[in-house]
């Protein structure tokens, strides 16, 4: 069974002062898809929005050319408009 919200968030350090947050999905062959680099000061807000399923809204499960499944999502937050997008979503 596929969760329609990510089960966790993978955090990787990017360049100085930034980290990359990626949603992790359960029930698919490729659980980590996409991600966004954010300033370290925004990590908690963005992580909450991802875990609540609003930053990367679930659309469907797809299959790649090798037969592996992955989650296709929308993207409700963008780097340049990050603060405004989070406020609009209630974060």
N, C-alpha and C. Protein backbone atom coordinates (compact mmCIF):
# COMPACT_ATOMS: atom_id res chain seq x y z
N UNK A 1 0.83 -1.19 0.00
CA UNK A 1 0.00 0.00 0.00
C UNK A 1 0.88 1.25 0.00
N UNK A 2 0.52 2.23 -0.79
CA UNK A 2 1.27 3.46 -0.91
C UNK A 2 0.68 4.51 0.03
N UNK A 3 1.55 5.15 0.80
CA UNK A 3 1.11 6.28 1.62
C UNK A 3 0.96 7.49 0.71
N UNK A 4 -0.03 8.31 0.96
CA UNK A 4 -0.19 9.53 0.16
C UNK A 4 0.52 10.72 0.80
N UNK A 5 1.20 10.46 1.92
CA UNK A 5 2.08 11.45 2.55
C UNK A 5 3.44 10.79 2.73
N UNK A 6 4.53 11.56 2.63
CA UNK A 6 5.84 10.97 2.88
C UNK A 6 5.94 10.43 4.30
N UNK A 7 6.72 9.35 4.47
CA UNK A 7 6.89 8.77 5.80
C UNK A 7 8.04 9.42 6.57
N UNK A 8 8.96 10.05 5.84
CA UNK A 8 10.06 10.77 6.48
C UNK A 8 10.66 11.76 5.49
N UNK A 9 11.65 12.49 5.95
CA UNK A 9 12.35 13.46 5.10
C UNK A 9 13.84 13.17 5.19
N UNK A 10 14.47 12.99 4.04
CA UNK A 10 15.91 12.79 3.99
C UNK A 10 16.57 14.16 3.96
N UNK A 11 17.56 14.35 4.83
CA UNK A 11 18.25 15.64 4.93
C UNK A 11 19.71 15.45 4.54
N UNK A 12 20.15 16.19 3.53
CA UNK A 12 21.53 16.15 3.08
C UNK A 12 22.09 17.56 3.07
N UNK A 13 23.33 17.70 3.52
CA UNK A 13 23.95 19.01 3.52
C UNK A 13 24.35 19.38 2.10
N UNK A 14 24.00 20.58 1.72
CA UNK A 14 24.34 21.11 0.41
C UNK A 14 25.50 22.08 0.62
N UNK A 15 25.46 23.22 -0.01
CA UNK A 15 26.52 24.20 0.20
C UNK A 15 26.37 24.87 1.56
N UNK A 16 27.35 25.64 1.94
CA UNK A 16 27.36 26.25 3.28
C UNK A 16 26.08 27.04 3.55
N UNK A 17 25.43 26.70 4.66
CA UNK A 17 24.22 27.39 5.06
C UNK A 17 22.95 26.83 4.46
N UNK A 18 23.04 25.77 3.65
CA UNK A 18 21.88 25.18 3.00
C UNK A 18 21.86 23.68 3.20
N UNK A 19 20.66 23.10 3.22
CA UNK A 19 20.49 21.65 3.22
C UNK A 19 19.45 21.29 2.17
N UNK A 20 19.51 20.05 1.70
CA UNK A 20 18.52 19.55 0.75
C UNK A 20 17.57 18.62 1.48
N UNK A 21 16.29 18.88 1.37
CA UNK A 21 15.25 18.06 1.99
C UNK A 21 14.52 17.30 0.89
N UNK A 22 14.42 15.98 1.06
CA UNK A 22 13.73 15.14 0.07
C UNK A 22 12.69 14.27 0.75
N UNK A 23 11.47 14.21 0.21
CA UNK A 23 10.46 13.34 0.79
C UNK A 23 10.82 11.87 0.56
N UNK A 24 10.51 11.02 1.55
CA UNK A 24 10.74 9.57 1.45
C UNK A 24 9.38 8.90 1.52
N UNK A 25 9.08 8.07 0.51
CA UNK A 25 7.79 7.41 0.39
C UNK A 25 7.91 5.94 0.73
N UNK A 26 6.83 5.34 1.23
CA UNK A 26 6.80 3.92 1.56
C UNK A 26 5.97 3.18 0.51
N UNK A 27 6.41 1.99 0.14
CA UNK A 27 5.64 1.14 -0.76
C UNK A 27 5.99 1.25 -2.22
N UNK A 28 7.11 1.91 -2.53
CA UNK A 28 7.57 2.01 -3.91
C UNK A 28 9.03 1.57 -3.99
N UNK A 29 9.48 1.23 -5.19
CA UNK A 29 10.85 0.77 -5.38
C UNK A 29 11.88 1.90 -5.21
N UNK A 30 11.52 3.08 -5.64
CA UNK A 30 12.41 4.26 -5.50
C UNK A 30 11.76 5.22 -4.51
N UNK A 31 12.07 5.07 -3.21
CA UNK A 31 11.35 5.84 -2.19
C UNK A 31 11.71 7.32 -2.11
N UNK A 32 12.89 7.71 -2.57
CA UNK A 32 13.30 9.12 -2.49
C UNK A 32 13.18 9.74 -3.88
N UNK A 33 12.32 10.73 -4.00
CA UNK A 33 12.17 11.43 -5.27
C UNK A 33 12.13 12.92 -5.03
N UNK A 34 12.82 13.66 -5.85
CA UNK A 34 12.79 15.11 -5.74
C UNK A 34 13.51 15.64 -4.52
N UNK A 35 13.29 16.89 -4.24
CA UNK A 35 13.90 17.54 -3.10
C UNK A 35 14.09 19.01 -3.36
N UNK A 36 14.38 19.75 -2.30
CA UNK A 36 14.57 21.18 -2.42
C UNK A 36 15.68 21.61 -1.47
N UNK A 37 16.55 22.49 -1.93
CA UNK A 37 17.60 23.05 -1.08
C UNK A 37 17.05 24.31 -0.42
N UNK A 38 17.21 24.36 0.90
CA UNK A 38 16.68 25.49 1.66
C UNK A 38 17.74 25.97 2.64
N UNK A 39 17.64 27.25 3.07
CA UNK A 39 18.54 27.73 4.11
C UNK A 39 18.29 26.96 5.40
N UNK A 40 19.33 26.77 6.20
CA UNK A 40 19.20 26.01 7.44
C UNK A 40 18.15 26.63 8.37
N UNK A 41 17.91 27.91 8.25
CA UNK A 41 16.91 28.57 9.10
C UNK A 41 15.48 28.17 8.74
N UNK A 42 15.28 27.58 7.57
CA UNK A 42 13.94 27.21 7.10
C UNK A 42 13.65 25.71 7.21
N UNK A 43 14.60 24.92 7.69
CA UNK A 43 14.48 23.47 7.67
C UNK A 43 13.23 22.97 8.38
N UNK A 44 12.96 23.44 9.59
CA UNK A 44 11.82 22.94 10.35
C UNK A 44 10.49 23.21 9.65
N UNK A 45 10.32 24.42 9.13
CA UNK A 45 9.07 24.76 8.46
C UNK A 45 8.85 23.92 7.21
N UNK A 46 9.90 23.78 6.40
CA UNK A 46 9.79 23.01 5.16
C UNK A 46 9.58 21.53 5.47
N UNK A 47 10.29 21.01 6.47
CA UNK A 47 10.14 19.60 6.84
C UNK A 47 8.70 19.31 7.27
N UNK A 48 8.10 20.19 8.07
CA UNK A 48 6.70 20.00 8.49
C UNK A 48 5.76 20.00 7.29
N UNK A 49 5.99 20.91 6.36
CA UNK A 49 5.13 20.99 5.17
C UNK A 49 5.28 19.73 4.30
N UNK A 50 6.50 19.19 4.22
CA UNK A 50 6.70 17.95 3.46
C UNK A 50 5.99 16.79 4.14
N UNK A 51 6.20 16.62 5.44
CA UNK A 51 5.60 15.50 6.17
C UNK A 51 4.08 15.57 6.19
N UNK A 52 3.51 16.77 6.16
CA UNK A 52 2.06 16.92 6.13
C UNK A 52 1.48 16.70 4.74
N UNK A 53 2.35 16.51 3.75
CA UNK A 53 1.90 16.21 2.40
C UNK A 53 1.46 17.40 1.58
N UNK A 54 1.79 18.61 2.01
CA UNK A 54 1.37 19.79 1.26
C UNK A 54 2.47 20.39 0.39
N UNK A 55 3.73 20.20 0.75
CA UNK A 55 4.82 20.75 -0.05
C UNK A 55 5.00 19.98 -1.36
N UNK A 56 4.85 18.67 -1.29
CA UNK A 56 4.93 17.80 -2.46
C UNK A 56 3.67 16.94 -2.50
N UNK A 57 2.55 17.49 -2.97
CA UNK A 57 1.31 16.73 -2.95
C UNK A 57 1.37 15.49 -3.84
N UNK A 58 0.91 14.36 -3.30
CA UNK A 58 0.88 13.08 -4.01
C UNK A 58 -0.02 13.19 -5.23
N UNK A 59 0.45 12.71 -6.38
CA UNK A 59 -0.37 12.67 -7.58
C UNK A 59 -0.66 11.24 -8.01
N UNK A 60 0.41 10.43 -8.16
CA UNK A 60 0.20 9.04 -8.58
C UNK A 60 1.50 8.26 -8.42
N UNK A 61 1.39 6.95 -8.57
CA UNK A 61 2.55 6.08 -8.62
C UNK A 61 2.81 5.76 -10.09
N UNK A 62 4.05 5.91 -10.52
CA UNK A 62 4.42 5.64 -11.91
C UNK A 62 5.49 4.56 -11.94
N UNK A 63 5.75 4.04 -13.13
CA UNK A 63 6.77 3.02 -13.33
C UNK A 63 7.78 3.54 -14.34
N UNK A 64 9.08 3.43 -14.00
CA UNK A 64 10.12 3.88 -14.93
C UNK A 64 10.40 2.81 -15.99
N UNK A 65 11.34 3.09 -16.89
CA UNK A 65 11.64 2.17 -18.00
C UNK A 65 12.23 0.85 -17.53
N UNK A 66 12.73 0.81 -16.31
CA UNK A 66 13.30 -0.43 -15.76
C UNK A 66 12.28 -1.20 -14.91
N UNK A 67 11.04 -0.73 -14.87
CA UNK A 67 10.00 -1.42 -14.12
C UNK A 67 9.95 -1.07 -12.64
N UNK A 68 10.70 -0.05 -12.24
CA UNK A 68 10.71 0.38 -10.83
C UNK A 68 9.63 1.43 -10.60
N UNK A 69 8.93 1.32 -9.46
CA UNK A 69 7.87 2.28 -9.15
C UNK A 69 8.41 3.46 -8.35
N UNK A 70 7.77 4.60 -8.54
CA UNK A 70 8.12 5.82 -7.81
C UNK A 70 6.89 6.70 -7.71
N UNK A 71 6.95 7.67 -6.80
CA UNK A 71 5.82 8.58 -6.60
C UNK A 71 6.02 9.84 -7.44
N UNK A 72 4.96 10.21 -8.14
CA UNK A 72 4.93 11.47 -8.89
C UNK A 72 4.20 12.48 -8.01
N UNK A 73 4.81 13.63 -7.82
CA UNK A 73 4.20 14.64 -6.95
C UNK A 73 4.07 15.98 -7.67
N UNK A 74 3.25 16.81 -7.09
CA UNK A 74 3.22 18.21 -7.49
C UNK A 74 4.30 18.92 -6.68
N UNK A 75 4.42 20.22 -6.87
CA UNK A 75 5.39 20.99 -6.09
C UNK A 75 4.75 22.31 -5.70
N UNK A 76 4.42 22.44 -4.42
CA UNK A 76 3.71 23.63 -3.95
C UNK A 76 4.65 24.70 -3.40
N UNK A 77 5.95 24.39 -3.30
CA UNK A 77 6.91 25.39 -2.81
C UNK A 77 8.06 25.50 -3.80
N UNK A 78 8.54 26.70 -3.97
CA UNK A 78 9.66 26.97 -4.88
C UNK A 78 10.70 27.79 -4.13
N UNK A 79 11.95 27.62 -4.48
CA UNK A 79 13.04 28.28 -3.80
C UNK A 79 12.93 29.79 -3.74
N UNK A 80 12.67 30.41 -4.86
CA UNK A 80 12.64 31.87 -4.91
C UNK A 80 11.48 32.45 -4.10
N UNK A 81 10.36 31.71 -4.08
CA UNK A 81 9.16 32.17 -3.37
C UNK A 81 8.91 31.36 -2.10
N UNK A 82 9.94 30.78 -1.52
CA UNK A 82 9.79 29.84 -0.43
C UNK A 82 8.99 30.39 0.75
N UNK A 83 9.34 31.56 1.23
CA UNK A 83 8.67 32.14 2.40
C UNK A 83 7.19 32.40 2.09
N UNK A 84 6.91 32.99 0.93
CA UNK A 84 5.53 33.28 0.56
C UNK A 84 4.73 31.99 0.37
N UNK A 85 5.34 30.99 -0.28
CA UNK A 85 4.65 29.72 -0.50
C UNK A 85 4.33 29.04 0.83
N UNK A 86 5.27 29.04 1.75
CA UNK A 86 5.03 28.42 3.07
C UNK A 86 3.92 29.15 3.81
N UNK A 87 3.92 30.47 3.78
CA UNK A 87 2.86 31.24 4.43
C UNK A 87 1.51 30.92 3.84
N UNK A 88 1.45 30.83 2.50
CA UNK A 88 0.20 30.51 1.80
C UNK A 88 -0.33 29.14 2.22
N UNK A 89 0.57 28.19 2.50
CA UNK A 89 0.19 26.84 2.90
C UNK A 89 -0.06 26.72 4.40
N UNK A 90 0.19 27.79 5.14
CA UNK A 90 -0.05 27.79 6.58
C UNK A 90 1.16 27.39 7.42
N UNK A 91 2.35 27.53 6.88
CA UNK A 91 3.57 27.19 7.60
C UNK A 91 4.45 28.43 7.70
